[in-house]
PDB file of N, CA and C in Angstrom:
ATOM      1  N   MET A   1       8.853  16.584 -10.587  1.00  0.00           N
ATOM      2  CA  MET A   1      10.128  16.933  -9.959  1.00  0.00           C
ATOM      3  C   MET A   1      10.041  16.919  -8.188  1.00  0.00           C
ATOM      4  N   ALA A   2      10.793  15.994  -7.584  1.00  0.00           N
ATOM      5  CA  ALA A   2      10.456  15.687  -6.255  1.00  0.00           C
ATOM      6  C   ALA A   2      11.614  16.427  -5.547  1.00  0.00           C
ATOM      7  N   CYS A   3      10.889  17.194  -3.842  1.00  0.00           N
ATOM      8  CA  CYS A   3      11.338  17.982  -3.452  1.00  0.00           C
ATOM      9  C   CYS A   3      11.270  17.589  -1.623  1.00  0.00           C
ATOM     10  N   SER A   4      12.337  17.571  -0.954  1.00  0.00           N
ATOM     11  CA  SER A   4      12.497  17.229   0.334  1.00  0.00           C
ATOM     12  C   SER A   4      12.041  18.074   1.368  1.00  0.00           C
ATOM     13  N   HIS A   5      11.600  19.231   0.643  1.00  0.00           N
ATOM     14  CA  HIS A   5      10.794  20.213   1.828  1.00  0.00           C
ATOM     15  C   HIS A   5       9.632  20.348   1.558  1.00  0.00           C
ATOM     16  N   SER A   6       8.361  20.012   3.194  1.00  0.00           N
ATOM     17  CA  SER A   6       7.557  20.010   2.776  1.00  0.00           C
ATOM     18  C   SER A   6       6.731  21.781   2.460  1.00  0.00           C
ATOM     19  N   LEU A   7       5.814  21.654   2.341  1.00  0.00           N
ATOM     20  CA  LEU A   7       5.137  23.100   1.780  1.00  0.00           C
ATOM     21  C   LEU A   7       4.903  24.080   3.526  1.00  0.00           C
ATOM     22  N   ALA A   8       4.115  23.174   4.321  1.00  0.00           N
ATOM     23  CA  ALA A   8       4.591  24.020   5.741  1.00  0.00           C
ATOM     24  C   ALA A   8       6.052  24.597   6.117  1.00  0.00           C
ATOM     25  N   GLU A   9       7.158  24.223   5.379  1.00  0.00           N
ATOM     26  CA  GLU A   9       8.372  24.426   5.612  1.00  0.00           C
ATOM     27  C   GLU A   9       8.949  25.584   4.537  1.00  0.00           C
ATOM     28  N   ARG A  10       7.942  25.916   3.455  1.00  0.00           N
ATOM     29  CA  ARG A  10       8.647  26.501   2.580  1.00  0.00           C
ATOM     30  C   ARG A  10       7.587  28.229   2.876  1.00  0.00           C
ATOM     31  N   VAL A  11       6.577  28.249   3.612  1.00  0.00           N
ATOM     32  CA  VAL A  11       5.740  29.359   3.862  1.00  0.00           C
ATOM     33  C   VAL A  11       5.365  29.756   5.375  1.00  0.00           C
ATOM     34  N   LYS A  12       5.250  31.025   5.620  1.00  0.00           N
ATOM     35  CA  LYS A  12       5.013  31.416   7.180  1.00  0.00           C
ATOM     36  C   LYS A  12       3.765  30.915   7.665  1.00  0.00           C
ATOM     37  N   ARG A  13       2.926  30.868   6.632  1.00  0.00           N
ATOM     38  CA  ARG A  13       1.352  30.496   7.489  1.00  0.00           C
ATOM     39  C   ARG A  13       0.898  29.545   6.504  1.00  0.00           C
ATOM     40  N   LEU A  14       0.548  28.203   6.913  1.00  0.00           N
ATOM     41  CA  LEU A  14      -0.578  27.158   6.206  1.00  0.00           C
ATOM     42  C   LEU A  14      -2.010  26.712   6.802  1.00  0.00           C
ATOM     43  N   GLU A  15      -2.493  26.634   6.653  1.00  0.00           N
ATOM     44  CA  GLU A  15      -3.555  26.676   6.664  1.00  0.00           C
ATOM     45  C   GLU A  15      -3.956  25.104   5.674  1.00  0.00           C
ATOM     46  N   ALA A  16      -5.032  24.133   6.622  1.00  0.00           N
ATOM     47  CA  ALA A  16      -5.131  22.792   5.666  1.00  0.00           C
ATOM     48  C   ALA A  16      -6.605  22.584   6.251  1.00  0.00           C
ATOM     49  N   ILE A  17      -7.696  21.983   4.950  1.00  0.00           N
ATOM     50  CA  ILE A  17      -8.959  21.544   4.969  1.00  0.00           C
ATOM     51  C   ILE A  17      -8.424  20.256   4.712  1.00  0.00           C
ATOM     52  N   GLU A  18      -9.422  19.372   5.809  1.00  0.00           N
ATOM     53  CA  GLU A  18      -9.121  17.842   5.620  1.00  0.00           C
ATOM     54  C   GLU A  18     -10.604  17.259   6.737  1.00  0.00           C
ATOM     55  N   ILE A  19     -11.336  16.379   6.009  1.00  0.00           N
ATOM     56  CA  ILE A  19     -12.733  15.939   6.050  1.00  0.00           C
ATOM     57  C   ILE A  19     -12.329  14.764   7.145  1.00  0.00           C
ATOM     58  N   ASP A  20     -11.203  14.118   6.657  1.00  0.00           N
ATOM     59  CA  ASP A  20     -11.046  13.237   7.446  1.00  0.00           C
ATOM     60  C   ASP A  20     -10.203  13.017   8.684  1.00  0.00           C
ATOM     61  N   ARG A  21     -11.055  13.151   9.896  1.00  0.00           N
ATOM     62  CA  ARG A  21     -10.708  13.248  11.239  1.00  0.00           C
ATOM     63  C   ARG A  21      -9.574  13.025  11.767  1.00  0.00           C
ATOM     64  N   ASP A  22      -9.066  10.978  11.276  1.00  0.00           N
ATOM     65  CA  ASP A  22      -7.973  11.074  12.034  1.00  0.00           C
ATOM     66  C   ASP A  22      -6.965  11.240  11.231  1.00  0.00           C
ATOM     67  N   LEU A  23      -6.511  11.719   9.286  1.00  0.00           N
ATOM     68  CA  LEU A  23      -6.084  12.077   8.757  1.00  0.00           C
ATOM     69  C   LEU A  23      -5.074  13.563   9.533  1.00  0.00           C
ATOM     70  N   ALA A  24      -6.290  14.230   9.833  1.00  0.00           N
ATOM     71  CA  ALA A  24      -6.209  15.442  10.347  1.00  0.00           C
ATOM     72  C   ALA A  24      -5.578  15.823  11.643  1.00  0.00           C
ATOM     73  N   ALA A  25      -5.475  14.631  12.376  1.00  0.00           N
ATOM     74  CA  ALA A  25      -4.820  14.521  13.701  1.00  0.00           C
ATOM     75  C   ALA A  25      -3.769  14.412  13.621  1.00  0.00           C
ATOM     76  N   ALA A  26      -3.293  13.606  12.322  1.00  0.00           N
ATOM     77  CA  ALA A  26      -2.029  13.009  12.195  1.00  0.00           C
ATOM     78  C   ALA A  26      -1.433  14.117  11.427  1.00  0.00           C
ATOM     79  N   LEU A  27      -1.701  15.650  10.976  1.00  0.00           N
ATOM     80  CA  LEU A  27      -1.142  16.767  10.468  1.00  0.00           C
ATOM     81  C   LEU A  27      -0.173  17.127  11.835  1.00  0.00           C
ATOM     82  N   PRO A  28       1.107  17.907  11.422  1.00  0.00           N
ATOM     83  CA  PRO A  28       1.869  18.266  12.104  1.00  0.00           C
ATOM     84  C   PRO A  28       1.351  19.620  12.315  1.00  0.00           C
ATOM     85  N   ALA A  29       1.231  19.793  13.622  1.00  0.00           N
ATOM     86  CA  ALA A  29       0.349  21.097  14.444  1.00  0.00           C
ATOM     87  C   ALA A  29       1.218  22.577  14.200  1.00  0.00           C
ATOM     88  N   GLU A  30       2.729  22.294  14.503  1.00  0.00           N
ATOM     89  CA  GLU A  30       3.900  23.348  14.168  1.00  0.00           C
ATOM     90  C   GLU A  30       3.186  24.017  12.894  1.00  0.00           C
ATOM     91  N   ARG A  31       2.526  25.209  12.703  1.00  0.00           N
ATOM     92  CA  ARG A  31       3.040  25.923  11.996  1.00  0.00           C
ATOM     93  C   ARG A  31       1.604  25.783  11.096  1.00  0.00           C
ATOM     94  N   VAL A  32       1.013  24.696  11.254  1.00  0.00           N
ATOM     95  CA  VAL A  32      -0.135  24.411  10.062  1.00  0.00           C
ATOM     96  C   VAL A  32      -1.368  24.602  10.877  1.00  0.00           C
ATOM     97  N   LYS A  33      -2.488  25.314  10.781  1.00  0.00           N
ATOM     98  CA  LYS A  33      -3.953  25.538  11.427  1.00  0.00           C
ATOM     99  C   LYS A  33      -4.686  24.361  10.426  1.00  0.00           C
ATOM    100  N   VAL A  34      -5.622  23.316  11.199  1.00  0.00           N
ATOM    101  CA  VAL A  34      -6.254  22.463  10.389  1.00  0.00           C
ATOM    102  C   VAL A  34      -7.579  22.540  10.372  1.00  0.00           C
ATOM    103  N   HIS A  35      -7.912  22.664   9.664  1.00  0.00           N
ATOM    104  CA  HIS A  35      -9.616  22.587   9.329  1.00  0.00           C
ATOM    105  C   HIS A  35     -10.380  21.194   9.302  1.00  0.00           C
ATOM    106  N   VAL A  36     -11.350  21.070  10.077  1.00  0.00           N
ATOM    107  CA  VAL A  36     -11.626  19.808   9.648  1.00  0.00           C
ATOM    108  C   VAL A  36     -13.528  20.098   9.449  1.00  0.00           C
ATOM    109  N   ALA A  37     -13.256  20.021   7.847  1.00  0.00           N
ATOM    110  CA  ALA A  37     -14.328  20.422   7.239  1.00  0.00           C
ATOM    111  C   ALA A  37     -14.484  19.648   5.514  1.00  0.00           C
ATOM    112  N   ASP A  38     -15.561  19.567   4.783  1.00  0.00           N
ATOM    113  CA  ASP A  38     -15.733  19.158   3.734  1.00  0.00           C
ATOM    114  C   ASP A  38     -15.227  20.575   3.165  1.00  0.00           C
ATOM    115  N   ALA A  39     -14.207  20.486   2.004  1.00  0.00           N
ATOM    116  CA  ALA A  39     -13.854  21.433   1.413  1.00  0.00           C
ATOM    117  C   ALA A  39     -15.096  21.796   0.430  1.00  0.00           C
ATOM    118  N   LEU A  40     -15.914  20.955  -0.122  1.00  0.00           N
ATOM    119  CA  LEU A  40     -16.676  21.622  -0.903  1.00  0.00           C
ATOM    120  C   LEU A  40     -17.994  22.843  -0.042  1.00  0.00           C
ATOM    121  N   ALA A  41     -17.497  22.308   1.479  1.00  0.00           N
ATOM    122  CA  ALA A  41     -18.867  23.797   2.028  1.00  0.00           C
ATOM    123  C   ALA A  41     -17.945  24.368   3.058  1.00  0.00           C
ATOM    124  N   PHE A  42     -16.729  24.224   2.460  1.00  0.00           N
ATOM    125  CA  PHE A  42     -15.798  25.212   3.795  1.00  0.00           C
ATOM    126  C   PHE A  42     -16.218  26.728   3.314  1.00  0.00           C
ATOM    127  N   ASP A  43     -16.461  27.391   4.086  1.00  0.00           N
ATOM    128  CA  ASP A  43     -16.242  29.079   3.632  1.00  0.00           C
ATOM    129  C   ASP A  43     -15.151  29.706   3.202  1.00  0.00           C
ATOM    130  N   TYR A  44     -14.491  29.484   2.173  1.00  0.00           N
ATOM    131  CA  TYR A  44     -13.179  30.421   1.716  1.00  0.00           C
ATOM    132  C   TYR A  44     -13.200  31.822   2.419  1.00  0.00           C
ATOM    133  N   GLY A  45     -14.240  32.510   2.307  1.00  0.00           N
ATOM    134  CA  GLY A  45     -14.491  33.999   2.355  1.00  0.00           C
ATOM    135  C   GLY A  45     -13.170  34.426   3.746  1.00  0.00           C
ATOM    136  N   VAL A  46     -13.280  33.205   4.871  1.00  0.00           N
ATOM    137  CA  VAL A  46     -13.040  33.328   5.707  1.00  0.00           C
ATOM    138  C   VAL A  46     -11.173  33.973   5.878  1.00  0.00           C
ATOM    139  N   PHE A  47     -10.856  33.523   4.624  1.00  0.00           N
ATOM    140  CA  PHE A  47      -9.212  34.063   4.534  1.00  0.00           C
ATOM    141  C   PHE A  47      -9.048  35.144   3.335  1.00  0.00           C
ATOM    142  N   PRO A  48      -7.921  35.406   3.931  1.00  0.00           N
ATOM    143  CA  PRO A  48      -7.867  37.375   3.419  1.00  0.00           C
ATOM    144  C   PRO A  48      -8.256  37.398   1.523  1.00  0.00           C
ATOM    145  N   GLN A  49      -8.196  37.869   1.401  1.00  0.00           N
ATOM    146  CA  GLN A  49      -8.165  38.489  -0.713  1.00  0.00           C
ATOM    147  C   GLN A  49      -6.807  38.208  -1.254  1.00  0.00           C
ATOM    148  N   GLY A  50      -6.391  37.435  -1.879  1.00  0.00           N
ATOM    149  CA  GLY A  50      -5.282  36.931  -2.206  1.00  0.00           C
ATOM    150  C   GLY A  50      -4.525  36.041  -1.667  1.00  0.00           C
ATOM    151  N   VAL A  51      -5.495  35.555  -1.356  1.00  0.00           N
ATOM    152  CA  VAL A  51      -5.057  33.521  -0.615  1.00  0.00           C
ATOM    153  C   VAL A  51      -4.823  33.000  -2.021  1.00  0.00           C
ATOM    154  N   ARG A  52      -3.565  32.298  -1.599  1.00  0.00           N
ATOM    155  CA  ARG A  52      -3.262  30.838  -2.895  1.00  0.00           C
ATOM    156  C   ARG A  52      -3.966  29.697  -2.285  1.00  0.00           C
ATOM    157  N   ILE A  53      -4.385  29.316  -3.101  1.00  0.00           N
ATOM    158  CA  ILE A  53      -5.206  27.627  -2.684  1.00  0.00           C
ATOM    159  C   ILE A  53      -4.277  26.781  -3.845  1.00  0.00           C
ATOM    160  N   VAL A  54      -3.728  25.829  -2.999  1.00  0.00           N
ATOM    161  CA  VAL A  54      -3.369  24.126  -3.542  1.00  0.00           C
ATOM    162  C   VAL A  54      -4.043  23.422  -2.938  1.00  0.00           C
ATOM    163  N   GLY A  55      -4.034  22.238  -3.789  1.00  0.00           N
ATOM    164  CA  GLY A  55      -4.412  20.869  -2.854  1.00  0.00           C
ATOM    165  C   GLY A  55      -3.794  19.791  -3.880  1.00  0.00           C
ATOM    166  N   ASN A  56      -4.217  18.624  -2.994  1.00  0.00           N
ATOM    167  CA  ASN A  56      -3.803  17.045  -3.408  1.00  0.00           C
ATOM    168  C   ASN A  56      -5.437  16.717  -3.476  1.00  0.00           C
ATOM    169  N   LEU A  57      -6.049  16.271  -4.801  1.00  0.00           N
ATOM    170  CA  LEU A  57      -7.803  16.101  -4.101  1.00  0.00           C
ATOM    171  C   LEU A  57      -7.730  14.919  -4.782  1.00  0.00           C
ATOM    172  N   PRO A  58      -8.949  14.553  -4.421  1.00  0.00           N
ATOM    173  CA  PRO A  58      -9.609  13.421  -5.556  1.00  0.00           C
ATOM    174  C   PRO A  58     -10.334  14.325  -6.577  1.00  0.00           C
ATOM    175  N   TYR A  59      -9.884  13.540  -8.066  1.00  0.00           N
ATOM    176  CA  TYR A  59     -10.766  14.176  -9.226  1.00  0.00           C
ATOM    177  C   TYR A  59     -11.896  14.631  -9.373  1.00  0.00           C
ATOM    178  N   ASN A  60     -12.837  13.763  -8.723  1.00  0.00           N
ATOM    179  CA  ASN A  60     -13.851  13.451  -8.714  1.00  0.00           C
ATOM    180  C   ASN A  60     -14.553  14.860  -7.897  1.00  0.00           C
ATOM    181  N   ILE A  61     -13.655  15.604  -7.290  1.00  0.00           N
ATOM    182  CA  ILE A  61     -14.309  16.595  -7.207  1.00  0.00           C
ATOM    183  C   ILE A  61     -13.403  18.470  -7.411  1.00  0.00           C
ATOM    184  N   SER A  62     -12.802  18.338  -8.234  1.00  0.00           N
ATOM    185  CA  SER A  62     -12.012  19.351  -8.843  1.00  0.00           C
ATOM    186  C   SER A  62     -12.886  20.097  -9.220  1.00  0.00           C
ATOM    187  N   THR A  63     -13.727  19.841 -10.202  1.00  0.00           N
ATOM    188  CA  THR A  63     -14.486  20.651 -10.946  1.00  0.00           C
ATOM    189  C   THR A  63     -15.564  21.112 -10.202  1.00  0.00           C
ATOM    190  N   PRO A  64     -16.260  20.682  -9.122  1.00  0.00           N
ATOM    191  CA  PRO A  64     -17.103  21.542  -8.273  1.00  0.00           C
ATOM    192  C   PRO A  64     -16.193  22.119  -7.105  1.00  0.00           C
ATOM    193  N   LEU A  65     -15.246  21.750  -7.014  1.00  0.00           N
ATOM    194  CA  LEU A  65     -14.700  22.638  -5.969  1.00  0.00           C
ATOM    195  C   LEU A  65     -14.380  24.187  -6.506  1.00  0.00           C
ATOM    196  N   LEU A  66     -13.498  23.858  -7.655  1.00  0.00           N
ATOM    197  CA  LEU A  66     -13.491  25.227  -8.451  1.00  0.00           C
ATOM    198  C   LEU A  66     -15.166  25.862  -9.107  1.00  0.00           C
ATOM    199  N   PHE A  67     -15.528  25.676  -8.753  1.00  0.00           N
ATOM    200  CA  PHE A  67     -16.729  26.496  -9.204  1.00  0.00           C
ATOM    201  C   PHE A  67     -17.275  27.164  -7.614  1.00  0.00           C
ATOM    202  N   HIS A  68     -17.172  26.428  -6.961  1.00  0.00           N
ATOM    203  CA  HIS A  68     -17.023  26.968  -5.439  1.00  0.00           C
ATOM    204  C   HIS A  68     -15.978  27.876  -4.971  1.00  0.00           C
ATOM    205  N   LEU A  69     -15.042  27.815  -5.676  1.00  0.00           N
ATOM    206  CA  LEU A  69     -14.192  28.965  -5.226  1.00  0.00           C
ATOM    207  C   LEU A  69     -14.235  30.004  -5.810  1.00  0.00           C
ATOM    208  N   ALA A  70     -14.798  29.632  -6.791  1.00  0.00           N
ATOM    209  CA  ALA A  70     -15.057  31.128  -7.773  1.00  0.00           C
ATOM    210  C   ALA A  70     -16.495  31.871  -7.469  1.00  0.00           C
ATOM    211  N   ARG A  71     -17.279  31.208  -6.222  1.00  0.00           N
ATOM    212  CA  ARG A  71     -18.340  32.042  -6.054  1.00  0.00           C
ATOM    213  C   ARG A  71     -17.842  32.948  -4.883  1.00  0.00           C
TER     214      ARG A  71
END
């Protein structure tokens, strides 16, 4: 299902984690805080309890990322 609205337009606050500095610089700064970091090494403890995490990530890191988040 295609949607014409971006995630940033649908939420009050959005934080993104992007390892590619060039791509991170291209993300819209309005209403989006970008953390330039490796998602597998990022400290998700900085987010409040109950945070919702969504992603578009490479298949090869999905399992390691889920284990990282579970810790």
